[in-house]
């Protein structure tokens, strides 16, 4: 769920997108060209937004979420990755013919890895558009990223008209799922995912550093707090970590819960809410240094939340849309 110039917009199962212009009292259904589950969305201004989901779909709206068009899907992703893998294998193989003896062993290993990557890409294409995208982030109406399962990472420089595979720019040989992407106030980009992987970029996503992870279980969310260098990463079993130096070091935050944490929202003034499974809503009033937990009475999973204003939050998940306080209490 997001808020765009006062309009609440939520995406979810079966391609459903709904929006409200009265702070969540009345909802309208948007026109959407797909029926696959949608997992995330991001609006870069008052009009332009992108949503991603299963089957590798990427949708674009230019009218505040009322109408959406399909820009990309998993079949296009498969073709792109095959073409890129074929090109890389050809380059590696050509290099074998002129390689110095000292470099031959390393190059043969690279050729073998490139061969396996191409075989995997072709097998994926046989299965079809099966892999979900899990998060999306745009820094302008032209430049954006989408991340997802099995190491999916794509970038566009033209508002989604075309996408480029950036998966090879991160060190992810096991193709761990990339669950979330965020930009903190300093401008640094972070991707978190399966097995505790954390990647950081300080050059707008052109190159990525692998960060020493404070946790080996899966992270499902990452967010800034409004402070320049502060980032929070959170995930399985209530594991929550805070860094105040752009991910160079991390402190464990006792969240007071063992419920899996899924998504966060903040007001840029130190108040941060994190929502998760089993009705869990966490609230911090000190920039993510400490949290208190509320368990919502229905105990259903919360997937996302956004502040409507300082005292009101929209929480979405297994129980549809609920309007709550920042602590998760019903209004």
C-alpha atoms as a PDB file:
ATOM      1  CA  UNK A   1       0.000   0.000   0.000  1.00  0.00           C
ATOM      2  CA  UNK A   2       1.210   3.515  -0.852  1.00  0.00           C
ATOM      3  CA  UNK A   3      -0.061   7.075  -0.529  1.00  0.00           C
ATOM      4  CA  UNK A   4       0.224   9.394  -3.525  1.00  0.00           C
ATOM      5  CA  UNK A   5      -0.828  13.021  -3.042  1.00  0.00           C
ATOM      6  CA  UNK A   6      -3.484  11.902  -0.578  1.00  0.00           C
ATOM      7  CA  UNK A   7      -4.659   8.903  -2.639  1.00  0.00           C
ATOM      8  CA  UNK A   8      -4.233   5.502  -1.009  1.00  0.00           C
ATOM      9  CA  UNK A   9      -3.376   2.708  -3.477  1.00  0.00           C
ATOM     10  CA  UNK A  10      -3.110  -0.998  -2.625  1.00  0.00           C
ATOM     11  CA  UNK A  11      -2.073  -3.977  -4.761  1.00  0.00           C
ATOM     12  CA  UNK A  12      -2.626  -7.661  -4.064  1.00  0.00           C
ATOM     13  CA  UNK A  13      -3.881 -11.048  -5.170  1.00  0.00           C
ATOM     14  CA  UNK A  14      -5.341 -11.819  -8.618  1.00  0.00           C
ATOM     15  CA  UNK A  15      -4.025  -8.557 -10.024  1.00  0.00           C
ATOM     16  CA  UNK A  16      -6.383  -6.481  -7.919  1.00  0.00           C
ATOM     17  CA  UNK A  17      -5.454  -2.815  -7.416  1.00  0.00           C
ATOM     18  CA  UNK A  18      -7.730  -0.522  -5.410  1.00  0.00           C
ATOM     19  CA  UNK A  19      -7.521   3.158  -4.544  1.00  0.00           C
ATOM     20  CA  UNK A  20      -9.201   5.586  -2.160  1.00  0.00           C
ATOM     21  CA  UNK A  21      -9.411   9.380  -2.251  1.00  0.00           C
ATOM     22  CA  UNK A  22     -10.984   9.795   1.199  1.00  0.00           C
ATOM     23  CA  UNK A  23      -8.313   8.341   3.504  1.00  0.00           C
ATOM     24  CA  UNK A  24      -9.525   4.766   3.123  1.00  0.00           C
ATOM     25  CA  UNK A  25     -13.266   5.090   3.694  1.00  0.00           C
ATOM     26  CA  UNK A  26     -14.388   4.252   0.132  1.00  0.00           C
ATOM     27  CA  UNK A  27     -12.353   2.220  -2.378  1.00  0.00           C
ATOM     28  CA  UNK A  28     -12.462   1.910  -6.164  1.00  0.00           C
ATOM     29  CA  UNK A  29     -10.999  -0.862  -8.305  1.00  0.00           C
ATOM     30  CA  UNK A  30      -8.394   0.108 -10.901  1.00  0.00           C
ATOM     31  CA  UNK A  31      -8.235  -1.217 -14.466  1.00  0.00           C
ATOM     32  CA  UNK A  32      -5.430  -3.809 -14.583  1.00  0.00           C
ATOM     33  CA  UNK A  33      -4.394  -6.001 -17.560  1.00  0.00           C
ATOM     34  CA  UNK A  34      -3.238  -9.035 -15.526  1.00  0.00           C
ATOM     35  CA  UNK A  35      -4.717 -11.419 -12.960  1.00  0.00           C
ATOM     36  CA  UNK A  36      -1.482 -12.539 -11.298  1.00  0.00           C
ATOM     37  CA  UNK A  37      -0.647 -11.704  -7.695  1.00  0.00           C
ATOM     38  CA  UNK A  38       0.979  -8.287  -7.313  1.00  0.00           C
ATOM     39  CA  UNK A  39       3.579  -7.967  -4.581  1.00  0.00           C
ATOM     40  CA  UNK A  40       4.814  -4.365  -4.464  1.00  0.00           C
ATOM     41  CA  UNK A  41       4.470  -0.897  -5.947  1.00  0.00           C
ATOM     42  CA  UNK A  42       6.294   2.436  -5.969  1.00  0.00           C
ATOM     43  CA  UNK A  43       5.198   5.890  -7.099  1.00  0.00           C
ATOM     44  CA  UNK A  44       7.925   8.354  -7.967  1.00  0.00           C
ATOM     45  CA  UNK A  45       5.646  11.401  -8.254  1.00  0.00           C
ATOM     46  CA  UNK A  46       1.978  12.306  -8.115  1.00  0.00           C
ATOM     47  CA  UNK A  47       1.167  10.457 -11.335  1.00  0.00           C
ATOM     48  CA  UNK A  48       3.747   7.788 -12.269  1.00  0.00           C
ATOM     49  CA  UNK A  49       3.921   4.477 -10.458  1.00  0.00           C
ATOM     50  CA  UNK A  50       5.034   0.905 -11.086  1.00  0.00           C
ATOM     51  CA  UNK A  51       3.772  -2.389  -9.663  1.00  0.00           C
ATOM     52  CA  UNK A  52       5.434  -5.810  -9.836  1.00  0.00           C
ATOM     53  CA  UNK A  53       4.328  -9.346  -9.173  1.00  0.00           C
ATOM     54  CA  UNK A  54       4.193 -12.997 -10.092  1.00  0.00           C
ATOM     55  CA  UNK A  55       5.104 -14.201 -13.590  1.00  0.00           C
ATOM     56  CA  UNK A  56       7.676 -11.409 -13.644  1.00  0.00           C
ATOM     57  CA  UNK A  57       5.089  -8.751 -14.489  1.00  0.00           C
ATOM     58  CA  UNK A  58       5.846  -5.035 -14.317  1.00  0.00           C
ATOM     59  CA  UNK A  59       2.938  -2.616 -14.650  1.00  0.00           C
ATOM     60  CA  UNK A  60       2.978   1.167 -15.103  1.00  0.00           C
ATOM     61  CA  UNK A  61       0.378   3.791 -14.237  1.00  0.00           C
ATOM     62  CA  UNK A  62       0.591   7.429 -15.268  1.00  0.00           C
ATOM     63  CA  UNK A  63      -2.720   8.557 -13.767  1.00  0.00           C
ATOM     64  CA  UNK A  64      -2.253   8.017 -10.015  1.00  0.00           C
ATOM     65  CA  UNK A  65      -3.062   4.302 -10.121  1.00  0.00           C
ATOM     66  CA  UNK A  66      -6.476   4.321 -11.816  1.00  0.00           C
ATOM     67  CA  UNK A  67      -5.288   2.604 -15.014  1.00  0.00           C
ATOM     68  CA  UNK A  68      -2.312   0.292 -15.558  1.00  0.00           C
ATOM     69  CA  UNK A  69      -0.440  -1.057 -18.570  1.00  0.00           C
ATOM     70  CA  UNK A  70       1.845  -4.081 -18.853  1.00  0.00           C
ATOM     71  CA  UNK A  71       5.482  -3.173 -19.568  1.00  0.00           C
ATOM     72  CA  UNK A  72       7.355  -6.421 -18.923  1.00  0.00           C
ATOM     73  CA  UNK A  73       6.865 -10.066 -17.959  1.00  0.00           C
ATOM     74  CA  UNK A  74       8.759 -13.251 -17.211  1.00  0.00           C
ATOM     75  CA  UNK A  75       8.818 -14.441 -20.827  1.00  0.00           C
ATOM     76  CA  UNK A  76      10.678 -11.293 -21.838  1.00  0.00           C
ATOM     77  CA  UNK A  77      12.961 -11.771 -18.851  1.00  0.00           C
ATOM     78  CA  UNK A  78      13.805 -15.322 -19.927  1.00  0.00           C
ATOM     79  CA  UNK A  79      14.652 -14.238 -23.494  1.00  0.00           C
ATOM     80  CA  UNK A  80      16.814 -11.403 -22.214  1.00  0.00           C
ATOM     81  CA  UNK A  81      18.780 -13.640 -19.844  1.00  0.00           C
ATOM     82  CA  UNK A  82      19.314 -16.316 -22.548  1.00  0.00           C
ATOM     83  CA  UNK A  83      20.653 -13.705 -24.992  1.00  0.00           C
ATOM     84  CA  UNK A  84      22.945 -12.263 -22.347  1.00  0.00           C
ATOM     85  CA  UNK A  85      24.146 -15.734 -21.286  1.00  0.00           C
ATOM     86  CA  UNK A  86      24.863 -16.747 -24.895  1.00  0.00           C
ATOM     87  CA  UNK A  87      26.881 -13.579 -25.440  1.00  0.00           C
ATOM     88  CA  UNK A  88      28.886 -14.094 -22.261  1.00  0.00           C
ATOM     89  CA  UNK A  89      29.641 -17.748 -23.093  1.00  0.00           C
ATOM     90  CA  UNK A  90      30.789 -16.792 -26.604  1.00  0.00           C
ATOM     91  CA  UNK A  91      33.106 -14.109 -25.197  1.00  0.00           C
ATOM     92  CA  UNK A  92      34.545 -16.506 -22.614  1.00  0.00           C
ATOM     93  CA  UNK A  93      35.041 -19.272 -25.166  1.00  0.00           C
ATOM     94  CA  UNK A  94      36.772 -16.933 -27.622  1.00  0.00           C
ATOM     95  CA  UNK A  95      39.125 -15.881 -24.868  1.00  0.00           C
ATOM     96  CA  UNK A  96      40.299 -19.462 -24.386  1.00  0.00           C
ATOM     97  CA  UNK A  97      42.042 -19.419 -27.768  1.00  0.00           C
ATOM     98  CA  UNK A  98      44.323 -16.518 -26.858  1.00  0.00           C
ATOM     99  CA  UNK A  99      44.629 -16.997 -23.109  1.00  0.00           C
ATOM    100  CA  UNK A 100      48.042 -17.185 -21.477  1.00  0.00           C
ATOM    101  CA  UNK A 101      48.822 -20.523 -19.850  1.00  0.00           C
ATOM    102  CA  UNK A 102      48.739 -18.982 -16.367  1.00  0.00           C
ATOM    103  CA  UNK A 103      45.206 -17.711 -17.002  1.00  0.00           C
ATOM    104  CA  UNK A 104      43.888 -20.819 -18.724  1.00  0.00           C
ATOM    105  CA  UNK A 105      42.608 -22.660 -15.656  1.00  0.00           C
ATOM    106  CA  UNK A 106      40.650 -19.665 -14.353  1.00  0.00           C
ATOM    107  CA  UNK A 107      39.180 -18.994 -17.785  1.00  0.00           C
ATOM    108  CA  UNK A 108      38.130 -22.632 -18.230  1.00  0.00           C
ATOM    109  CA  UNK A 109      36.318 -22.415 -14.901  1.00  0.00           C
ATOM    110  CA  UNK A 110      34.545 -19.235 -16.062  1.00  0.00           C
ATOM    111  CA  UNK A 111      33.508 -20.951 -19.302  1.00  0.00           C
ATOM    112  CA  UNK A 112      32.098 -23.846 -17.303  1.00  0.00           C
ATOM    113  CA  UNK A 113      30.128 -21.450 -15.080  1.00  0.00           C
ATOM    114  CA  UNK A 114      28.845 -19.555 -18.137  1.00  0.00           C
ATOM    115  CA  UNK A 115      27.740 -22.863 -19.702  1.00  0.00           C
ATOM    116  CA  UNK A 116      25.789 -23.804 -16.578  1.00  0.00           C
ATOM    117  CA  UNK A 117      24.195 -20.342 -16.486  1.00  0.00           C
ATOM    118  CA  UNK A 118      23.033 -20.677 -20.090  1.00  0.00           C
ATOM    119  CA  UNK A 119      21.616 -24.152 -19.438  1.00  0.00           C
ATOM    120  CA  UNK A 120      19.716 -22.812 -16.420  1.00  0.00           C
ATOM    121  CA  UNK A 121      18.352 -19.921 -18.475  1.00  0.00           C
ATOM    122  CA  UNK A 122      17.091 -22.250 -21.192  1.00  0.00           C
ATOM    123  CA  UNK A 123      15.427 -24.525 -18.630  1.00  0.00           C
ATOM    124  CA  UNK A 124      13.752 -21.502 -17.071  1.00  0.00           C
ATOM    125  CA  UNK A 125      12.404 -20.498 -20.478  1.00  0.00           C
ATOM    126  CA  UNK A 126      10.931 -23.980 -20.976  1.00  0.00           C
ATOM    127  CA  UNK A 127       9.020 -23.602 -17.719  1.00  0.00           C
ATOM    128  CA  UNK A 128       7.767 -20.168 -18.757  1.00  0.00           C
ATOM    129  CA  UNK A 129       7.072 -16.963 -16.859  1.00  0.00           C
ATOM    130  CA  UNK A 130       7.197 -18.619 -13.462  1.00  0.00           C
ATOM    131  CA  UNK A 131       9.353 -16.382 -11.252  1.00  0.00           C
ATOM    132  CA  UNK A 132       7.878 -13.538  -9.220  1.00  0.00           C
ATOM    133  CA  UNK A 133       9.199 -10.048  -8.867  1.00  0.00           C
ATOM    134  CA  UNK A 134       8.994  -8.991  -5.225  1.00  0.00           C
ATOM    135  CA  UNK A 135       9.834  -5.295  -5.006  1.00  0.00           C
ATOM    136  CA  UNK A 136      10.285  -2.194  -7.143  1.00  0.00           C
ATOM    137  CA  UNK A 137      11.983   1.170  -6.631  1.00  0.00           C
ATOM    138  CA  UNK A 138      12.219   4.235  -8.873  1.00  0.00           C
ATOM    139  CA  UNK A 139      14.476   7.224  -8.222  1.00  0.00           C
ATOM    140  CA  UNK A 140      12.966   9.275 -11.072  1.00  0.00           C
ATOM    141  CA  UNK A 141      10.282   8.820 -13.717  1.00  0.00           C
ATOM    142  CA  UNK A 142      12.978   7.281 -15.920  1.00  0.00           C
ATOM    143  CA  UNK A 143      15.308   5.237 -13.691  1.00  0.00           C
ATOM    144  CA  UNK A 144      14.138   2.261 -11.637  1.00  0.00           C
ATOM    145  CA  UNK A 145      14.867  -1.256 -10.382  1.00  0.00           C
ATOM    146  CA  UNK A 146      12.837  -4.432  -9.898  1.00  0.00           C
ATOM    147  CA  UNK A 147      14.040  -7.359  -7.763  1.00  0.00           C
ATOM    148  CA  UNK A 148      12.705 -10.842  -7.207  1.00  0.00           C
ATOM    149  CA  UNK A 149      13.098 -14.575  -6.841  1.00  0.00           C
ATOM    150  CA  UNK A 150      16.207 -16.502  -7.929  1.00  0.00           C
ATOM    151  CA  UNK A 151      18.337 -13.364  -8.078  1.00  0.00           C
ATOM    152  CA  UNK A 152      16.123 -11.367 -10.436  1.00  0.00           C
ATOM    153  CA  UNK A 153      17.437  -7.802 -10.730  1.00  0.00           C
ATOM    154  CA  UNK A 154      16.391  -5.544 -13.603  1.00  0.00           C
ATOM    155  CA  UNK A 155      16.984  -1.868 -14.323  1.00  0.00           C
ATOM    156  CA  UNK A 156      15.331   0.626 -16.643  1.00  0.00           C
ATOM    157  CA  UNK A 157      16.592   4.021 -17.742  1.00  0.00           C
ATOM    158  CA  UNK A 158      13.540   5.001 -19.780  1.00  0.00           C
ATOM    159  CA  UNK A 159      10.576   4.647 -17.469  1.00  0.00           C
ATOM    160  CA  UNK A 160      10.130   0.942 -18.070  1.00  0.00           C
ATOM    161  CA  UNK A 161       9.908   0.983 -21.863  1.00  0.00           C
ATOM    162  CA  UNK A 162      12.888  -1.392 -21.821  1.00  0.00           C
ATOM    163  CA  UNK A 163      14.586  -3.282 -19.006  1.00  0.00           C
ATOM    164  CA  UNK A 164      18.128  -4.625 -18.641  1.00  0.00           C
ATOM    165  CA  UNK A 165      19.251  -7.633 -16.620  1.00  0.00           C
ATOM    166  CA  UNK A 166      21.511  -6.425 -13.783  1.00  0.00           C
ATOM    167  CA  UNK A 167      21.586  -9.776 -11.966  1.00  0.00           C
ATOM    168  CA  UNK A 168      25.218 -10.321 -12.926  1.00  0.00           C
ATOM    169  CA  UNK A 169      26.262  -7.159 -11.102  1.00  0.00           C
ATOM    170  CA  UNK A 170      25.769  -8.676  -7.667  1.00  0.00           C
ATOM    171  CA  UNK A 171      27.633 -11.615  -6.119  1.00  0.00           C
ATOM    172  CA  UNK A 172      24.786 -14.095  -5.856  1.00  0.00           C
ATOM    173  CA  UNK A 173      26.031 -17.409  -7.318  1.00  0.00           C
ATOM    174  CA  UNK A 174      23.362 -19.375  -5.415  1.00  0.00           C
ATOM    175  CA  UNK A 175      20.622 -17.212  -6.925  1.00  0.00           C
ATOM    176  CA  UNK A 176      19.129 -16.370  -3.545  1.00  0.00           C
ATOM    177  CA  UNK A 177      15.783 -14.588  -3.660  1.00  0.00           C
ATOM    178  CA  UNK A 178      16.030 -10.790  -3.541  1.00  0.00           C
ATOM    179  CA  UNK A 179      13.058  -9.739  -1.426  1.00  0.00           C
ATOM    180  CA  UNK A 180      13.274  -5.962  -1.060  1.00  0.00           C
ATOM    181  CA  UNK A 181      15.039  -2.840  -2.315  1.00  0.00           C
ATOM    182  CA  UNK A 182      15.154   0.620  -0.738  1.00  0.00           C
ATOM    183  CA  UNK A 183      17.045   3.894  -0.892  1.00  0.00           C
ATOM    184  CA  UNK A 184      18.039   5.656   2.313  1.00  0.00           C
ATOM    185  CA  UNK A 185      18.406   9.411   2.790  1.00  0.00           C
ATOM    186  CA  UNK A 186      22.144   9.413   1.969  1.00  0.00           C
ATOM    187  CA  UNK A 187      21.279   8.056  -1.486  1.00  0.00           C
ATOM    188  CA  UNK A 188      22.687   4.568  -0.917  1.00  0.00           C
ATOM    189  CA  UNK A 189      20.622   1.689  -2.307  1.00  0.00           C
ATOM    190  CA  UNK A 190      20.123  -1.563  -0.405  1.00  0.00           C
ATOM    191  CA  UNK A 191      18.851  -4.975  -1.505  1.00  0.00           C
ATOM    192  CA  UNK A 192      18.106  -7.691   1.057  1.00  0.00           C
ATOM    193  CA  UNK A 193      16.948 -11.257   0.655  1.00  0.00           C
ATOM    194  CA  UNK A 194      17.146 -14.939   1.317  1.00  0.00           C
ATOM    195  CA  UNK A 195      19.893 -16.356   3.573  1.00  0.00           C
ATOM    196  CA  UNK A 196      20.588 -12.890   4.964  1.00  0.00           C
ATOM    197  CA  UNK A 197      22.107 -11.449   1.794  1.00  0.00           C
ATOM    198  CA  UNK A 198      22.636  -7.675   1.845  1.00  0.00           C
ATOM    199  CA  UNK A 199      23.883  -5.673  -1.139  1.00  0.00           C
ATOM    200  CA  UNK A 200      24.632  -1.944  -1.252  1.00  0.00           C
ATOM    201  CA  UNK A 201      25.202   0.493  -4.089  1.00  0.00           C
ATOM    202  CA  UNK A 202      26.579   4.024  -3.780  1.00  0.00           C
ATOM    203  CA  UNK A 203      26.547   4.772  -7.514  1.00  0.00           C
ATOM    204  CA  UNK A 204      22.831   4.604  -8.319  1.00  0.00           C
ATOM    205  CA  UNK A 205      22.878   0.837  -8.788  1.00  0.00           C
ATOM    206  CA  UNK A 206      25.617   0.523 -11.404  1.00  0.00           C
ATOM    207  CA  UNK A 207      27.793  -1.523  -9.047  1.00  0.00           C
ATOM    208  CA  UNK A 208      26.943  -3.396  -5.860  1.00  0.00           C
ATOM    209  CA  UNK A 209      28.981  -4.317  -2.781  1.00  0.00           C
ATOM    210  CA  UNK A 210      28.235  -7.451  -0.788  1.00  0.00           C
ATOM    211  CA  UNK A 211      27.750  -6.413   2.843  1.00  0.00           C
ATOM    212  CA  UNK A 212      28.736  -8.681   5.725  1.00  0.00           C
ATOM    213  CA  UNK A 213      25.330  -9.791   6.937  1.00  0.00           C
ATOM    214  CA  UNK A 214      24.460  -9.709  10.640  1.00  0.00           C
ATOM    215  CA  UNK A 215      21.987 -12.563  10.172  1.00  0.00           C
ATOM    216  CA  UNK A 216      21.932 -15.754   8.093  1.00  0.00           C
ATOM    217  CA  UNK A 217      18.161 -16.113   7.889  1.00  0.00           C
ATOM    218  CA  UNK A 218      16.006 -14.373   5.322  1.00  0.00           C
ATOM    219  CA  UNK A 219      15.403 -10.632   5.315  1.00  0.00           C
ATOM    220  CA  UNK A 220      12.038  -9.577   3.894  1.00  0.00           C
ATOM    221  CA  UNK A 221      12.326  -5.816   4.250  1.00  0.00           C
ATOM    222  CA  UNK A 222      14.746  -2.919   4.312  1.00  0.00           C
ATOM    223  CA  UNK A 223      14.089   0.774   4.961  1.00  0.00           C
ATOM    224  CA  UNK A 224      15.658   4.073   5.848  1.00  0.00           C
ATOM    225  CA  UNK A 225      14.536   6.120   8.830  1.00  0.00           C
ATOM    226  CA  UNK A 226      14.916   9.673   7.554  1.00  0.00           C
ATOM    227  CA  UNK A 227      18.448   9.997   8.971  1.00  0.00           C
ATOM    228  CA  UNK A 228      21.249  10.188   6.398  1.00  0.00           C
ATOM    229  CA  UNK A 229      23.137   6.932   6.999  1.00  0.00           C
ATOM    230  CA  UNK A 230      20.618   4.847   8.959  1.00  0.00           C
ATOM    231  CA  UNK A 231      19.143   1.648   7.537  1.00  0.00           C
ATOM    232  CA  UNK A 232      16.968  -1.084   9.065  1.00  0.00           C
ATOM    233  CA  UNK A 233      16.808  -4.683   7.812  1.00  0.00           C
ATOM    234  CA  UNK A 234      14.276  -7.175   9.150  1.00  0.00           C
ATOM    235  CA  UNK A 235      12.799 -10.578   8.474  1.00  0.00           C
ATOM    236  CA  UNK A 236      12.280 -14.057   9.880  1.00  0.00           C
ATOM    237  CA  UNK A 237      11.444 -14.662  13.550  1.00  0.00           C
ATOM    238  CA  UNK A 238      11.394 -10.982  14.425  1.00  0.00           C
ATOM    239  CA  UNK A 239      15.031 -10.473  13.543  1.00  0.00           C
ATOM    240  CA  UNK A 240      15.681  -6.741  13.208  1.00  0.00           C
ATOM    241  CA  UNK A 241      19.002  -4.950  12.693  1.00  0.00           C
ATOM    242  CA  UNK A 242      19.954  -1.277  12.563  1.00  0.00           C
ATOM    243  CA  UNK A 243      22.996   0.373  10.991  1.00  0.00           C
ATOM    244  CA  UNK A 244      23.941   4.033  11.345  1.00  0.00           C
ATOM    245  CA  UNK A 245      26.893   3.864   8.916  1.00  0.00           C
ATOM    246  CA  UNK A 246      25.251   2.741   5.664  1.00  0.00           C
ATOM    247  CA  UNK A 247      25.536  -0.952   6.482  1.00  0.00           C
ATOM    248  CA  UNK A 248      29.221  -1.113   7.436  1.00  0.00           C
ATOM    249  CA  UNK A 249      28.234  -2.326  10.921  1.00  0.00           C
ATOM    250  CA  UNK A 250      24.973  -3.516  12.438  1.00  0.00           C
ATOM    251  CA  UNK A 251      23.331  -3.615  15.867  1.00  0.00           C
ATOM    252  CA  UNK A 252      20.654  -6.124  16.784  1.00  0.00           C
ATOM    253  CA  UNK A 253      17.403  -4.481  17.875  1.00  0.00           C
ATOM    254  CA  UNK A 254      15.286  -6.451  20.313  1.00  0.00           C
ATOM    255  CA  UNK A 255      11.903  -6.245  18.607  1.00  0.00           C
ATOM    256  CA  UNK A 256      10.175  -8.152  21.395  1.00  0.00           C
ATOM    257  CA  UNK A 257       8.613 -10.589  18.946  1.00  0.00           C
ATOM    258  CA  UNK A 258       9.309 -13.820  17.113  1.00  0.00           C
ATOM    259  CA  UNK A 259       6.823 -13.040  14.360  1.00  0.00           C
ATOM    260  CA  UNK A 260       8.222 -12.632  10.853  1.00  0.00           C
ATOM    261  CA  UNK A 261       8.476  -8.961   9.852  1.00  0.00           C
ATOM    262  CA  UNK A 262       7.440  -8.027   6.307  1.00  0.00           C
ATOM    263  CA  UNK A 263       7.337  -4.292   5.604  1.00  0.00           C
ATOM    264  CA  UNK A 264       7.971  -0.853   7.125  1.00  0.00           C
ATOM    265  CA  UNK A 265       6.761   2.713   6.839  1.00  0.00           C
ATOM    266  CA  UNK A 266       8.011   5.903   8.478  1.00  0.00           C
ATOM    267  CA  UNK A 267       7.040   9.546   8.720  1.00  0.00           C
ATOM    268  CA  UNK A 268      10.598  10.874   8.273  1.00  0.00           C
ATOM    269  CA  UNK A 269      10.513  12.269  11.817  1.00  0.00           C
ATOM    270  CA  UNK A 270      11.684   9.228  13.759  1.00  0.00           C
ATOM    271  CA  UNK A 271       8.399   7.323  13.901  1.00  0.00           C
ATOM    272  CA  UNK A 272       8.629   3.922  12.217  1.00  0.00           C
ATOM    273  CA  UNK A 273       6.025   1.167  11.993  1.00  0.00           C
ATOM    274  CA  UNK A 274       6.925  -2.377  10.925  1.00  0.00           C
ATOM    275  CA  UNK A 275       4.200  -4.921  10.168  1.00  0.00           C
ATOM    276  CA  UNK A 276       4.386  -8.679   9.997  1.00  0.00           C
ATOM    277  CA  UNK A 277       2.777 -12.058  10.455  1.00  0.00           C
ATOM    278  CA  UNK A 278       0.310 -13.135  13.134  1.00  0.00           C
ATOM    279  CA  UNK A 279      -1.083  -9.615  13.528  1.00  0.00           C
ATOM    280  CA  UNK A 280       2.231  -8.078  14.566  1.00  0.00           C
ATOM    281  CA  UNK A 281       2.732  -4.295  14.361  1.00  0.00           C
ATOM    282  CA  UNK A 282       5.886  -2.709  15.787  1.00  0.00           C
ATOM    283  CA  UNK A 283       6.250   1.011  16.544  1.00  0.00           C
ATOM    284  CA  UNK A 284       9.445   2.982  17.141  1.00  0.00           C
ATOM    285  CA  UNK A 285       9.488   6.619  18.221  1.00  0.00           C
ATOM    286  CA  UNK A 286      13.282   6.917  18.361  1.00  0.00           C
ATOM    287  CA  UNK A 287      14.440   6.268  14.821  1.00  0.00           C
ATOM    288  CA  UNK A 288      14.447   2.481  15.063  1.00  0.00           C
ATOM    289  CA  UNK A 289      16.564   2.098  18.219  1.00  0.00           C
ATOM    290  CA  UNK A 290      13.720   0.431  20.116  1.00  0.00           C
ATOM    291  CA  UNK A 291      10.245  -0.886  19.329  1.00  0.00           C
ATOM    292  CA  UNK A 292       7.032  -1.822  21.099  1.00  0.00           C
ATOM    293  CA  UNK A 293       4.708  -4.491  19.703  1.00  0.00           C
ATOM    294  CA  UNK A 294       0.958  -4.635  19.273  1.00  0.00           C
ATOM    295  CA  UNK A 295      -0.720  -7.908  18.262  1.00  0.00           C
ATOM    296  CA  UNK A 296      -3.863  -7.147  16.306  1.00  0.00           C
ATOM    297  CA  UNK A 297      -6.893  -9.083  17.493  1.00  0.00           C
ATOM    298  CA  UNK A 298      -7.468 -10.982  14.248  1.00  0.00           C
ATOM    299  CA  UNK A 299      -3.856 -12.291  14.311  1.00  0.00           C
ATOM    300  CA  UNK A 300      -3.820 -12.312  10.520  1.00  0.00           C
ATOM    301  CA  UNK A 301      -0.731 -11.497   8.512  1.00  0.00           C
ATOM    302  CA  UNK A 302       0.068  -7.885   7.670  1.00  0.00           C
ATOM    303  CA  UNK A 303       1.933  -7.401   4.390  1.00  0.00           C
ATOM    304  CA  UNK A 304       2.394  -3.636   4.174  1.00  0.00           C
ATOM    305  CA  UNK A 305       1.482  -0.301   5.771  1.00  0.00           C
ATOM    306  CA  UNK A 306       1.677   3.422   5.096  1.00  0.00           C
ATOM    307  CA  UNK A 307       1.101   6.515   7.215  1.00  0.00           C
ATOM    308  CA  UNK A 308      -1.983   8.459   6.126  1.00  0.00           C
ATOM    309  CA  UNK A 309      -1.008  11.161   8.612  1.00  0.00           C
ATOM    310  CA  UNK A 310       0.724  11.309  12.014  1.00  0.00           C
ATOM    311  CA  UNK A 311      -2.076   9.493  13.835  1.00  0.00           C
ATOM    312  CA  UNK A 312      -3.477   7.224  11.120  1.00  0.00           C
ATOM    313  CA  UNK A 313      -2.047   4.279   9.204  1.00  0.00           C
ATOM    314  CA  UNK A 314      -3.409   1.993   6.494  1.00  0.00           C
ATOM    315  CA  UNK A 315      -2.437  -1.652   7.068  1.00  0.00           C
ATOM    316  CA  UNK A 316      -3.008  -4.250   4.342  1.00  0.00           C
ATOM    317  CA  UNK A 317      -2.699  -8.023   4.339  1.00  0.00           C
ATOM    318  CA  UNK A 318      -4.757 -11.147   4.885  1.00  0.00           C
ATOM    319  CA  UNK A 319      -7.582  -9.063   6.359  1.00  0.00           C
ATOM    320  CA  UNK A 320      -7.784  -6.632   3.441  1.00  0.00           C
ATOM    321  CA  UNK A 321      -7.336  -2.953   4.355  1.00  0.00           C
ATOM    322  CA  UNK A 322      -7.500  -1.771   7.954  1.00  0.00           C
ATOM    323  CA  UNK A 323      -7.209   1.778   9.286  1.00  0.00           C
ATOM    324  CA  UNK A 324      -5.189   1.865  12.488  1.00  0.00           C
ATOM    325  CA  UNK A 325      -3.025   4.012  14.708  1.00  0.00           C
ATOM    326  CA  UNK A 326       0.744   3.910  14.021  1.00  0.00           C
ATOM    327  CA  UNK A 327       0.898   1.226  16.733  1.00  0.00           C
ATOM    328  CA  UNK A 328      -1.637  -0.936  14.882  1.00  0.00           C
ATOM    329  CA  UNK A 329      -4.686  -0.275  17.089  1.00  0.00           C
ATOM    330  CA  UNK A 330      -8.044   0.004  15.329  1.00  0.00           C
ATOM    331  CA  UNK A 331      -9.414   3.504  14.871  1.00  0.00           C
END
